[in-house]
Protein backbone atom coordinates (compact mmCIF):
# COMPACT_ATOMS: atom_id res chain seq x y z
CA MET A 1 38.76 -21.68 34.64
CA ILE A 2 36.60 -18.62 35.20
CA ALA A 3 37.53 -15.03 34.37
CA ASN A 4 37.69 -14.22 38.09
CA ASP A 5 40.82 -16.46 38.30
CA LEU A 6 42.82 -14.51 35.69
CA ARG A 7 46.26 -13.35 36.85
CA PRO A 8 49.29 -11.83 35.07
CA GLY A 9 51.32 -14.48 33.26
CA ILE A 10 48.40 -16.85 32.63
CA THR A 11 47.82 -17.74 28.97
CA ILE A 12 44.32 -18.13 27.57
CA ILE A 13 42.61 -18.91 24.27
CA HIS A 14 40.33 -16.03 23.30
CA ASP A 15 38.66 -15.45 19.91
CA GLY A 16 40.83 -18.16 18.35
CA GLY A 17 44.10 -16.55 19.46
CA ILE A 18 46.51 -17.35 22.26
CA TYR A 19 46.91 -14.47 24.69
CA GLU A 20 49.01 -13.79 27.77
CA VAL A 21 47.36 -11.83 30.57
CA LEU A 22 49.54 -8.77 31.23
CA ASP A 23 47.31 -7.02 33.75
CA PHE A 24 43.84 -7.37 35.21
CA MET A 25 41.47 -5.48 37.44
CA HIS A 26 38.42 -6.85 39.22
CA THR A 27 35.60 -4.28 39.37
CA GLN A 28 32.19 -4.29 41.00
CA PRO A 29 29.88 -1.77 39.30
CA GLY A 30 26.98 -0.19 41.24
CA LYS A 31 24.48 -2.58 39.76
CA GLY A 32 24.93 -5.78 37.83
CA GLY A 33 27.55 -8.49 38.16
CA ALA A 34 31.25 -8.16 38.79
CA LEU A 35 33.61 -7.59 35.84
CA VAL A 36 37.23 -8.45 35.14
CA LYS A 37 39.05 -5.97 32.91
CA ALA A 38 42.16 -7.55 31.41
CA LYS A 39 45.03 -6.40 29.24
CA LEU A 40 45.92 -9.26 26.86
CA LYS A 41 48.93 -9.73 24.56
CA ASN A 42 48.50 -11.87 21.44
CA PHE A 43 51.47 -14.26 21.16
CA ARG A 44 51.27 -14.53 17.36
CA THR A 45 50.90 -10.86 16.44
CA GLY A 46 52.26 -9.10 19.53
CA THR A 47 49.24 -6.79 19.68
CA ILE A 48 47.85 -5.78 23.06
CA ILE A 49 44.11 -5.50 23.60
CA ASP A 50 41.87 -4.54 26.50
CA TYR A 51 38.95 -6.89 27.09
CA THR A 52 36.25 -7.01 29.74
CA PHE A 53 34.98 -10.39 30.97
CA ARG A 54 32.02 -11.04 33.25
CA ALA A 55 33.45 -12.49 36.49
CA PRO A 56 31.75 -15.92 36.22
CA GLN A 57 32.49 -16.25 32.46
CA LYS A 58 34.39 -19.39 31.49
CA VAL A 59 37.81 -18.85 29.90
CA GLU A 60 39.87 -21.59 28.26
CA GLN A 61 43.41 -21.73 29.60
CA ALA A 62 46.17 -22.38 27.05
CA PHE A 63 48.98 -24.56 28.27
CA ILE A 64 52.24 -23.39 26.73
CA GLN A 65 55.71 -24.83 26.94
CA ARG A 66 58.88 -22.79 27.05
CA LYS A 67 62.10 -24.30 25.77
CA LYS A 68 65.62 -22.88 25.59
CA MET A 69 67.17 -23.09 22.12
CA GLU A 70 70.56 -21.95 20.81
CA TYR A 71 70.73 -19.67 17.75
CA LEU A 72 73.00 -21.05 15.02
CA TYR A 73 72.72 -19.09 11.77
CA LYS A 74 70.47 -17.35 9.25
CA ASP A 75 69.78 -18.67 5.75
CA GLY A 76 67.57 -16.38 3.67
CA ASP A 77 64.40 -15.69 5.64
CA GLN A 78 64.92 -18.66 7.96
CA PHE A 79 66.71 -18.54 11.30
CA TYR A 80 68.10 -21.84 12.55
CA PHE A 81 68.13 -22.85 16.20
CA MET A 82 69.46 -25.98 17.91
CA ASP A 83 67.94 -27.92 20.78
CA PRO A 84 70.86 -28.29 23.25
CA GLU A 85 69.48 -31.62 24.52
CA THR A 86 68.81 -33.46 21.25
CA TYR A 87 70.99 -31.40 18.87
CA ASP A 88 68.04 -31.16 16.42
CA ASN A 89 67.98 -28.06 14.20
CA GLN A 90 64.77 -26.05 14.00
CA PRO A 91 64.17 -23.43 11.27
CA VAL A 92 62.03 -20.44 12.27
CA SER A 93 60.67 -17.65 10.08
CA LYS A 94 61.32 -14.01 10.95
CA ASP A 95 57.67 -13.31 11.84
CA LYS A 96 57.92 -15.69 14.84
CA LEU A 97 60.88 -13.77 16.34
CA GLU A 98 60.02 -11.13 18.92
CA GLY A 99 62.46 -8.28 19.21
CA ASP A 100 65.12 -6.95 16.86
CA VAL A 101 66.74 -9.77 14.88
CA GLY A 102 69.76 -7.47 14.50
CA PHE A 103 70.76 -8.50 18.02
CA LEU A 104 70.86 -12.24 17.21
CA LYS A 105 74.40 -13.53 17.64
CA GLU A 106 75.61 -17.08 17.10
CA ASN A 107 75.28 -19.27 20.22
CA LEU A 108 72.74 -16.88 21.81
CA ILE A 109 70.21 -18.76 23.96
CA CYS A 110 66.61 -17.83 23.11
CA THR A 111 63.29 -19.06 24.48
CA PHE A 112 60.77 -20.87 22.26
CA VAL A 113 57.13 -20.48 23.30
CA MET A 114 55.12 -23.47 22.03
CA HIS A 115 51.47 -24.55 22.18
CA ASP A 116 50.54 -28.11 21.16
CA GLY A 117 53.96 -28.55 19.53
CA GLU A 118 53.59 -25.41 17.37
CA ILE A 119 56.09 -22.57 17.79
CA ILE A 120 54.10 -19.46 18.67
CA SER A 121 57.01 -17.10 19.18
CA VAL A 122 60.73 -16.93 19.89
CA LEU A 123 61.83 -14.56 22.66
CA LEU A 124 65.29 -13.03 22.57
CA PRO A 125 67.02 -12.46 25.92
CA ASP A 126 66.25 -9.08 27.49
CA PHE A 127 69.94 -8.08 27.37
CA VAL A 128 72.72 -8.99 24.94
CA ILE A 129 76.46 -8.25 24.92
CA LEU A 130 77.88 -7.30 21.53
CA GLU A 131 81.18 -5.94 20.24
CA ILE A 132 81.52 -2.61 18.44
CA VAL A 133 83.00 -3.02 14.95
CA ASP A 134 82.78 0.58 13.71
CA THR A 135 82.25 4.00 15.26
CA ASP A 136 83.85 7.41 15.41
CA PRO A 137 86.81 7.45 17.82
CA GLY A 138 86.16 8.35 21.43
CA PHE A 139 88.16 11.05 23.21
CA LYS A 140 89.31 11.44 26.79
CA GLY A 141 86.82 13.53 28.72
CA ASP A 142 83.77 12.36 26.77
CA THR A 143 81.07 11.51 29.29
CA VAL A 144 77.89 9.48 29.27
CA SER A 145 75.65 12.55 29.42
CA GLY A 146 77.64 14.59 26.89
CA GLY A 147 75.91 13.31 23.75
CA SER A 148 75.72 10.26 21.55
CA LYS A 149 77.01 8.80 18.31
CA MET A 150 76.10 5.96 15.96
CA VAL A 151 77.68 2.61 16.84
CA ASP A 152 77.88 -0.38 14.43
CA LEU A 153 77.73 -3.77 16.15
CA GLU A 154 79.15 -7.17 15.15
CA THR A 155 75.69 -8.41 14.11
CA GLY A 156 75.16 -5.53 11.69
CA ALA A 157 72.79 -3.63 13.97
CA LYS A 158 73.29 0.08 14.60
CA ILE A 159 72.42 1.88 17.82
CA GLN A 160 73.09 5.21 19.50
CA GLY A 161 75.79 5.09 22.17
CA PRO A 162 77.79 7.52 24.30
CA LEU A 163 80.77 9.39 22.84
CA PHE A 164 83.43 7.51 24.84
CA LEU A 165 82.84 4.15 23.07
CA ASN A 166 85.57 2.80 20.77
CA VAL A 167 85.95 0.00 18.22
CA GLY A 168 86.49 -3.32 20.04
CA ASP A 169 84.50 -2.35 23.16
CA LYS A 170 81.88 -4.82 24.29
CA ILE A 171 78.61 -3.25 25.36
CA LYS A 172 75.42 -4.44 27.03
CA ILE A 173 72.24 -3.60 25.11
CA ASP A 174 68.58 -3.83 26.09
CA ALA A 175 67.32 -6.02 23.21
CA ARG A 176 63.69 -5.02 23.88
CA THR A 177 64.30 -1.33 23.19
CA GLY A 178 67.64 -1.33 21.34
CA THR A 179 69.26 1.04 23.83
CA TYR A 180 72.78 1.11 25.24
CA ILE A 181 73.05 0.05 28.90
CA GLN A 182 76.76 -0.09 29.80
CA ARG A 183 80.24 -1.03 28.66
CA VAL A 184 81.39 -4.47 29.85
């Protein structure tokens, strides 16, 4: 494919790494050939770079597979996932997991991103629902905008939440940012 065909969501091989195109802009300077400015995210490291391609430049497209896997348990530095179709267990190291591993709960469905059979990264769902196991008691009249307190979750993670939350409440959390969304 040529650089002129880049679009968000396409994956390419660039400088030996596998990148996802996050954004692009086609520009035509006053003189010279057209350029494609792209924002690329490295799947292995998570770093985001800006790179400028000449419009007719050839770019190698990386064909990736996405597969849903179920989280089972953690053993040392390895996290074990199960393929729901074949029931095979797959160990994954922490550096392949994107997002906060503190939000991993047993039976959580995650997405494996693979290239040529190699696991490039494991994506947690954008939102998770977890139970509060410890926090200061909430009082009647506490509101969402009135302040926040530390909340301990069933996975061991700690986040800031509104004052009205109590032990036993289930809450929805944005796993990308670690922020409280709502009580469920």
